């Protein structure tokens, strides 16, 4: 459910990332790969597709994917909560994340 600005929430995006990575034996995903895959399983809003003001080369939803790493240490963050770990250029799901993940609808 989009937030008050009609954007997909960071937690919804993180859940979608978990779903994708849980299907992979390696559990890994580079950001560029996630950028290709996430739109296939998320219904992105027009607000999600707008250019990011702080990262003009990205759309808002792409910035929110990177925010999983940028906001580590924050309460409710999927790295902080132990569901994901940061790797160079991407993310990897943990055993705790695999336990939480819902299967991706369409990948």
Protein backbone atom coordinates (compact mmCIF):
# COMPACT_ATOMS: atom_id res chain seq x y z
CA UNK A 1 0.00 0.00 0.00
CA UNK A 2 1.55 3.31 -1.05
CA UNK A 3 2.45 5.93 1.55
CA UNK A 4 0.92 9.41 1.94
CA UNK A 5 2.92 10.55 -1.12
CA UNK A 6 1.59 7.62 -3.20
CA UNK A 7 4.99 5.90 -3.18
CA UNK A 8 5.71 2.27 -2.43
CA UNK A 9 7.12 2.13 1.10
CA UNK A 10 10.71 1.15 1.83
CA UNK A 11 9.44 -1.89 3.76
CA UNK A 12 7.33 -3.03 0.80
CA UNK A 13 10.38 -2.73 -1.42
CA UNK A 14 12.52 -4.61 1.09
CA UNK A 15 9.90 -7.39 1.26
CA UNK A 16 9.97 -7.66 -2.54
CA UNK A 17 13.78 -7.87 -2.44
CA UNK A 18 13.51 -10.71 0.11
CA UNK A 19 11.07 -12.54 -2.16
CA UNK A 20 13.42 -12.30 -5.14
CA UNK A 21 16.57 -13.25 -3.27
CA UNK A 22 14.87 -16.18 -1.50
CA UNK A 23 14.35 -17.83 -4.89
CA UNK A 24 18.07 -17.77 -5.65
CA UNK A 25 20.38 -20.47 -4.34
CA UNK A 26 23.10 -17.84 -3.88
CA UNK A 27 20.66 -15.47 -2.20
CA UNK A 28 22.50 -12.56 -3.85
CA UNK A 29 21.35 -9.66 -5.97
CA UNK A 30 23.26 -6.76 -7.46
CA UNK A 31 21.37 -3.46 -7.43
CA UNK A 32 21.27 -3.30 -11.24
CA UNK A 33 19.74 -6.78 -11.33
CA UNK A 34 17.19 -5.84 -8.67
CA UNK A 35 16.33 -2.73 -10.70
CA UNK A 36 15.44 -5.01 -13.65
CA UNK A 37 13.52 -7.54 -11.56
CA UNK A 38 11.54 -5.53 -8.99
CA UNK A 39 9.21 -3.81 -11.50
CA UNK A 40 8.06 -7.29 -12.57
CA UNK A 41 6.67 -8.04 -9.10
CA UNK A 42 5.75 -4.58 -7.75
CA UNK A 43 2.98 -2.34 -9.01
CA UNK A 44 4.95 0.90 -9.04
CA UNK A 45 3.04 4.17 -8.84
CA UNK A 46 3.64 7.28 -10.92
CA UNK A 47 5.25 8.80 -7.81
CA UNK A 48 7.63 5.80 -7.62
CA UNK A 49 8.62 6.34 -11.25
CA UNK A 50 9.45 10.04 -10.78
CA UNK A 51 13.09 11.16 -10.81
CA UNK A 52 14.71 11.21 -7.39
CA UNK A 53 15.62 14.72 -6.24
CA UNK A 54 18.66 13.51 -4.29
CA UNK A 55 19.78 10.93 -6.90
CA UNK A 56 18.76 12.44 -10.27
CA UNK A 57 20.05 9.44 -12.26
CA UNK A 58 17.52 7.20 -10.48
CA UNK A 59 13.79 6.94 -10.05
CA UNK A 60 12.34 7.25 -6.54
CA UNK A 61 11.76 3.50 -6.21
CA UNK A 62 15.39 2.77 -7.17
CA UNK A 63 16.57 5.18 -4.49
CA UNK A 64 14.41 3.31 -2.00
CA UNK A 65 16.11 0.02 -2.95
CA UNK A 66 19.49 1.61 -2.22
CA UNK A 67 18.07 3.07 1.00
CA UNK A 68 18.02 -0.48 2.40
CA UNK A 69 21.81 -0.11 2.59
CA UNK A 70 21.89 3.64 3.26
CA UNK A 71 19.54 3.37 6.23
CA UNK A 72 21.16 0.35 7.89
CA UNK A 73 21.27 1.01 11.60
CA UNK A 74 17.78 2.52 11.55
CA UNK A 75 14.94 0.84 13.40
CA UNK A 76 12.92 -1.39 11.08
CA UNK A 77 15.67 -1.57 8.44
CA UNK A 78 16.01 -5.05 6.91
CA UNK A 79 19.79 -5.10 7.37
CA UNK A 80 19.48 -3.93 10.98
CA UNK A 81 16.79 -6.55 11.60
CA UNK A 82 19.03 -9.31 10.19
CA UNK A 83 17.00 -10.20 7.07
CA UNK A 84 19.57 -8.89 4.57
CA UNK A 85 23.28 -8.19 4.48
CA UNK A 86 25.14 -5.65 2.39
CA UNK A 87 27.54 -6.97 -0.25
CA UNK A 88 29.55 -4.97 -2.75
CA UNK A 89 27.04 -3.50 -5.20
CA UNK A 90 24.03 -5.28 -3.76
CA UNK A 91 22.38 -7.38 -1.09
CA UNK A 92 22.27 -10.99 0.10
CA UNK A 93 19.47 -12.65 2.04
CA UNK A 94 20.23 -14.23 5.42
CA UNK A 95 18.75 -17.42 6.87
CA UNK A 96 16.48 -15.21 8.96
CA UNK A 97 15.43 -13.40 5.77
CA UNK A 98 14.70 -16.69 3.99
CA UNK A 99 12.43 -17.68 6.89
CA UNK A 100 10.53 -14.40 6.55
CA UNK A 101 10.34 -14.21 2.75
CA UNK A 102 7.14 -14.70 0.83
CA UNK A 103 7.60 -16.24 -2.61
CA UNK A 104 7.83 -13.69 -5.44
CA UNK A 105 4.57 -13.43 -7.40
CA UNK A 106 6.25 -13.19 -10.79
CA UNK A 107 9.93 -12.81 -11.45
